[in-house]
Amino acid sequence: MAKYMWCANHSFNSMEDLNKHLERDEKVMIDILPQLKKAGLTDTKRGIRVDEKGKFSHQGVLIFNDKAAYEACMKIIQDADWDDEILKKNRYETFVLDHEL
């Protein structure tokens, strides 16, 4: 069975907004993590980037056992109380992991 990977990318105009987001994001993830693990979440990663143009970005990567786990976890994630009040540009992508080296 193929694993699924979901990437949440958020871009901010200031370090202050990025830091507010990271604080809130971690709190919400810790709150829903037991539900996500029970539903089939197997791994998470978080990356932060500041580029030469002064853009601040955060990417969260979540790995799921299979399509059913992905769908169950997406429902939990969508129902969570995230930080909609913090100004950011969002991009979400889902991948089927077809090969590991």
N, C-alpha and C. Protein backbone atom coordinates (compact mmCIF):
# COMPACT_ATOMS: atom_id res chain seq x y z
N MET A 1 0.83 -1.18 0.00
CA MET A 1 0.00 0.00 0.00
C MET A 1 0.88 1.25 0.00
N ALA A 2 0.52 2.22 -0.79
CA ALA A 2 1.29 3.46 -0.89
C ALA A 2 1.02 4.36 0.30
N LYS A 3 2.07 5.00 0.77
CA LYS A 3 1.94 6.02 1.81
C LYS A 3 1.59 7.34 1.14
N TYR A 4 1.00 8.24 1.91
CA TYR A 4 0.64 9.56 1.42
C TYR A 4 1.43 10.61 2.19
N MET A 5 1.78 11.69 1.49
CA MET A 5 2.50 12.81 2.10
C MET A 5 1.72 14.09 1.79
N TRP A 6 1.48 14.88 2.83
CA TRP A 6 0.79 16.16 2.67
C TRP A 6 1.74 17.26 3.10
N CYS A 7 1.86 18.28 2.26
CA CYS A 7 2.73 19.42 2.54
C CYS A 7 1.88 20.68 2.67
N ALA A 8 2.05 21.38 3.78
CA ALA A 8 1.38 22.65 4.02
C ALA A 8 2.46 23.73 4.00
N ASN A 9 2.38 24.63 3.03
CA ASN A 9 3.36 25.71 2.89
C ASN A 9 2.69 27.03 3.23
N HIS A 10 3.34 27.81 4.09
CA HIS A 10 2.82 29.10 4.50
C HIS A 10 3.93 30.15 4.33
N SER A 11 3.60 31.26 3.68
CA SER A 11 4.56 32.36 3.48
C SER A 11 4.06 33.60 4.21
N PHE A 12 4.99 34.30 4.85
CA PHE A 12 4.66 35.47 5.68
C PHE A 12 5.48 36.68 5.23
N ASN A 13 4.98 37.86 5.55
CA ASN A 13 5.69 39.09 5.22
C ASN A 13 6.59 39.58 6.35
N SER A 14 6.49 38.95 7.52
CA SER A 14 7.33 39.40 8.63
C SER A 14 7.73 38.21 9.51
N MET A 15 8.85 38.36 10.18
CA MET A 15 9.31 37.36 11.12
C MET A 15 8.33 37.25 12.29
N GLU A 16 7.74 38.36 12.67
CA GLU A 16 6.77 38.37 13.76
C GLU A 16 5.58 37.47 13.43
N ASP A 17 5.03 37.60 12.22
CA ASP A 17 3.91 36.75 11.82
C ASP A 17 4.32 35.28 11.74
N LEU A 18 5.51 35.01 11.23
CA LEU A 18 6.01 33.63 11.19
C LEU A 18 6.09 33.05 12.60
N ASN A 19 6.66 33.80 13.53
CA ASN A 19 6.80 33.31 14.90
C ASN A 19 5.45 33.07 15.57
N LYS A 20 4.48 33.98 15.34
CA LYS A 20 3.14 33.79 15.88
C LYS A 20 2.53 32.51 15.32
N HIS A 21 2.71 32.32 14.03
CA HIS A 21 2.17 31.12 13.37
C HIS A 21 2.81 29.85 13.95
N LEU A 22 4.12 29.84 14.07
CA LEU A 22 4.82 28.64 14.57
C LEU A 22 4.35 28.27 15.98
N GLU A 23 4.17 29.28 16.81
CA GLU A 23 3.72 29.03 18.18
C GLU A 23 2.31 28.41 18.18
N ARG A 24 1.43 29.01 17.42
CA ARG A 24 0.04 28.51 17.36
C ARG A 24 -0.02 27.15 16.68
N ASP A 25 0.74 26.98 15.59
CA ASP A 25 0.76 25.74 14.83
C ASP A 25 1.20 24.57 15.72
N GLU A 26 2.24 24.78 16.50
CA GLU A 26 2.74 23.72 17.38
C GLU A 26 1.71 23.38 18.46
N LYS A 27 1.07 24.38 19.02
CA LYS A 27 0.06 24.13 20.06
C LYS A 27 -1.09 23.30 19.50
N VAL A 28 -1.60 23.68 18.33
CA VAL A 28 -2.72 22.95 17.73
C VAL A 28 -2.30 21.53 17.38
N MET A 29 -1.10 21.37 16.80
CA MET A 29 -0.64 20.03 16.43
C MET A 29 -0.50 19.14 17.65
N ILE A 30 0.03 19.65 18.73
CA ILE A 30 0.17 18.85 19.94
C ILE A 30 -1.21 18.44 20.47
N ASP A 31 -2.18 19.35 20.36
CA ASP A 31 -3.54 19.04 20.83
C ASP A 31 -4.19 17.93 20.02
N ILE A 32 -3.98 17.91 18.69
CA ILE A 32 -4.66 16.93 17.85
C ILE A 32 -3.79 15.71 17.51
N LEU A 33 -2.54 15.72 17.93
CA LEU A 33 -1.61 14.65 17.59
C LEU A 33 -2.08 13.25 18.01
N PRO A 34 -2.63 13.07 19.20
CA PRO A 34 -3.11 11.72 19.54
C PRO A 34 -4.18 11.20 18.57
N GLN A 35 -5.09 12.08 18.15
CA GLN A 35 -6.12 11.70 17.18
C GLN A 35 -5.50 11.35 15.84
N LEU A 36 -4.53 12.17 15.40
CA LEU A 36 -3.89 11.93 14.12
C LEU A 36 -3.13 10.61 14.11
N LYS A 37 -2.40 10.32 15.18
CA LYS A 37 -1.66 9.06 15.26
C LYS A 37 -2.60 7.87 15.24
N LYS A 38 -3.69 7.98 15.97
CA LYS A 38 -4.67 6.90 15.99
C LYS A 38 -5.28 6.68 14.60
N ALA A 39 -5.42 7.76 13.83
CA ALA A 39 -6.02 7.68 12.49
C ALA A 39 -5.02 7.25 11.42
N GLY A 40 -3.71 7.17 11.76
CA GLY A 40 -2.75 6.68 10.78
C GLY A 40 -1.62 7.61 10.39
N LEU A 41 -1.44 8.72 11.11
CA LEU A 41 -0.27 9.58 10.89
C LEU A 41 0.97 8.84 11.37
N THR A 42 2.02 8.79 10.52
CA THR A 42 3.23 8.05 10.91
C THR A 42 4.44 8.94 11.15
N ASP A 43 4.47 10.15 10.58
CA ASP A 43 5.65 11.00 10.73
C ASP A 43 5.29 12.44 10.41
N THR A 44 6.02 13.37 11.03
CA THR A 44 5.86 14.79 10.73
C THR A 44 7.24 15.45 10.69
N LYS A 45 7.35 16.48 9.89
CA LYS A 45 8.56 17.30 9.80
C LYS A 45 8.12 18.75 9.65
N ARG A 46 9.01 19.65 10.10
CA ARG A 46 8.73 21.08 9.96
C ARG A 46 10.00 21.76 9.50
N GLY A 47 9.86 22.63 8.51
CA GLY A 47 11.00 23.40 8.03
C GLY A 47 10.67 24.87 7.99
N ILE A 48 11.70 25.70 8.19
CA ILE A 48 11.55 27.15 8.19
C ILE A 48 12.59 27.73 7.25
N ARG A 49 12.21 28.75 6.46
CA ARG A 49 13.13 29.34 5.52
C ARG A 49 12.95 30.85 5.47
N VAL A 50 14.07 31.55 5.41
CA VAL A 50 14.09 32.99 5.15
C VAL A 50 14.93 33.18 3.90
N ASP A 51 14.35 33.78 2.87
CA ASP A 51 15.12 33.94 1.62
C ASP A 51 15.75 35.33 1.52
N GLU A 52 16.51 35.52 0.48
CA GLU A 52 17.25 36.76 0.29
C GLU A 52 16.35 37.98 0.06
N LYS A 53 15.08 37.75 -0.29
CA LYS A 53 14.14 38.85 -0.50
C LYS A 53 13.38 39.20 0.78
N GLY A 54 13.71 38.54 1.88
CA GLY A 54 13.05 38.83 3.14
C GLY A 54 11.71 38.15 3.31
N LYS A 55 11.45 37.09 2.56
CA LYS A 55 10.22 36.32 2.72
C LYS A 55 10.45 35.23 3.76
N PHE A 56 9.46 35.01 4.58
CA PHE A 56 9.54 34.05 5.66
C PHE A 56 8.56 32.91 5.37
N SER A 57 9.04 31.68 5.42
CA SER A 57 8.20 30.54 5.06
C SER A 57 8.30 29.42 6.08
N HIS A 58 7.23 28.66 6.15
CA HIS A 58 7.15 27.48 7.00
C HIS A 58 6.52 26.37 6.17
N GLN A 59 7.10 25.18 6.24
CA GLN A 59 6.50 24.04 5.59
C GLN A 59 6.35 22.91 6.60
N GLY A 60 5.16 22.37 6.66
CA GLY A 60 4.90 21.20 7.48
C GLY A 60 4.66 20.02 6.56
N VAL A 61 5.29 18.89 6.86
CA VAL A 61 5.14 17.67 6.06
C VAL A 61 4.59 16.59 6.98
N LEU A 62 3.50 15.97 6.55
CA LEU A 62 2.88 14.89 7.31
C LEU A 62 2.82 13.65 6.44
N ILE A 63 3.14 12.50 7.02
CA ILE A 63 3.15 11.22 6.30
C ILE A 63 2.08 10.32 6.92
N PHE A 64 1.32 9.66 6.04
CA PHE A 64 0.21 8.80 6.46
C PHE A 64 0.39 7.39 5.92
N ASN A 65 -0.12 6.41 6.64
CA ASN A 65 0.00 5.00 6.28
C ASN A 65 -0.53 4.69 4.88
N ASP A 66 -1.67 5.27 4.55
CA ASP A 66 -2.35 4.95 3.29
C ASP A 66 -3.42 6.01 3.02
N LYS A 67 -4.20 5.80 1.96
CA LYS A 67 -5.22 6.76 1.57
C LYS A 67 -6.29 6.93 2.65
N ALA A 68 -6.71 5.84 3.27
CA ALA A 68 -7.73 5.94 4.32
C ALA A 68 -7.23 6.77 5.50
N ALA A 69 -5.97 6.56 5.90
CA ALA A 69 -5.39 7.35 6.99
C ALA A 69 -5.29 8.82 6.60
N TYR A 70 -4.86 9.07 5.36
CA TYR A 70 -4.78 10.45 4.86
C TYR A 70 -6.14 11.13 4.95
N GLU A 71 -7.17 10.47 4.47
CA GLU A 71 -8.51 11.07 4.46
C GLU A 71 -9.03 11.30 5.89
N ALA A 72 -8.81 10.35 6.78
CA ALA A 72 -9.25 10.51 8.17
C ALA A 72 -8.51 11.66 8.85
N CYS A 73 -7.21 11.75 8.61
CA CYS A 73 -6.41 12.83 9.22
C CYS A 73 -6.75 14.19 8.63
N MET A 74 -7.05 14.26 7.34
CA MET A 74 -7.43 15.54 6.74
C MET A 74 -8.71 16.08 7.38
N LYS A 75 -9.62 15.20 7.73
CA LYS A 75 -10.85 15.64 8.41
C LYS A 75 -10.51 16.24 9.78
N ILE A 76 -9.62 15.59 10.52
CA ILE A 76 -9.20 16.10 11.83
C ILE A 76 -8.51 17.45 11.67
N ILE A 77 -7.62 17.56 10.69
CA ILE A 77 -6.88 18.80 10.44
C ILE A 77 -7.83 19.93 10.04
N GLN A 78 -8.77 19.64 9.16
CA GLN A 78 -9.72 20.67 8.72
C GLN A 78 -10.62 21.16 9.83
N ASP A 79 -10.91 20.28 10.80
CA ASP A 79 -11.79 20.66 11.91
C ASP A 79 -11.05 21.39 13.04
N ALA A 80 -9.72 21.43 12.99
CA ALA A 80 -8.94 22.06 14.06
C ALA A 80 -9.02 23.59 13.95
N ASP A 81 -8.76 24.25 15.06
CA ASP A 81 -8.81 25.71 15.15
C ASP A 81 -7.42 26.29 14.91
N TRP A 82 -7.07 26.53 13.65
CA TRP A 82 -5.74 27.02 13.27
C TRP A 82 -5.67 28.52 13.46
N ASP A 83 -4.73 29.17 12.82
CA ASP A 83 -4.46 30.60 13.01
C ASP A 83 -4.90 31.44 11.81
N ASP A 84 -6.17 31.35 11.46
CA ASP A 84 -6.67 32.07 10.28
C ASP A 84 -6.50 33.58 10.38
N GLU A 85 -6.35 34.10 11.60
CA GLU A 85 -6.22 35.55 11.77
C GLU A 85 -4.83 36.07 11.41
N ILE A 86 -3.84 35.19 11.27
CA ILE A 86 -2.48 35.61 10.91
C ILE A 86 -2.37 35.66 9.39
N LEU A 87 -2.00 36.83 8.86
CA LEU A 87 -1.91 37.02 7.42
C LEU A 87 -0.80 36.17 6.83
N LYS A 88 -1.16 35.33 5.84
CA LYS A 88 -0.19 34.45 5.19
C LYS A 88 -0.73 33.98 3.85
N LYS A 89 0.18 33.50 3.02
CA LYS A 89 -0.20 32.88 1.76
C LYS A 89 -0.02 31.37 1.95
N ASN A 90 -1.07 30.60 1.66
CA ASN A 90 -1.04 29.15 1.88
C ASN A 90 -0.98 28.39 0.56
N ARG A 91 -0.28 27.27 0.59
CA ARG A 91 -0.27 26.33 -0.54
C ARG A 91 -0.24 24.93 0.06
N TYR A 92 -1.14 24.07 -0.41
CA TYR A 92 -1.21 22.70 0.09
C TYR A 92 -1.04 21.74 -1.07
N GLU A 93 -0.25 20.68 -0.84
CA GLU A 93 -0.01 19.68 -1.87
C GLU A 93 -0.04 18.29 -1.24
N THR A 94 -0.57 17.33 -1.97
CA THR A 94 -0.60 15.95 -1.53
C THR A 94 0.14 15.10 -2.55
N PHE A 95 0.97 14.17 -2.04
CA PHE A 95 1.77 13.28 -2.89
C PHE A 95 1.54 11.85 -2.46
N VAL A 96 1.57 10.94 -3.44
CA VAL A 96 1.62 9.51 -3.15
C VAL A 96 3.09 9.14 -3.21
N LEU A 97 3.60 8.56 -2.12
CA LEU A 97 5.01 8.17 -2.07
C LEU A 97 5.16 6.83 -2.79
N ASP A 98 5.80 6.87 -3.95
CA ASP A 98 5.87 5.68 -4.80
C ASP A 98 7.19 4.94 -4.71
N HIS A 99 8.18 5.54 -4.04
CA HIS A 99 9.49 4.89 -4.01
C HIS A 99 10.34 5.49 -2.89
N GLU A 100 11.10 4.65 -2.23
CA GLU A 100 12.04 5.12 -1.21
C GLU A 100 13.42 4.61 -1.54
N LEU A 101 14.42 5.45 -1.39
CA LEU A 101 15.80 5.05 -1.65
C LEU A 101 16.53 4.74 -0.36
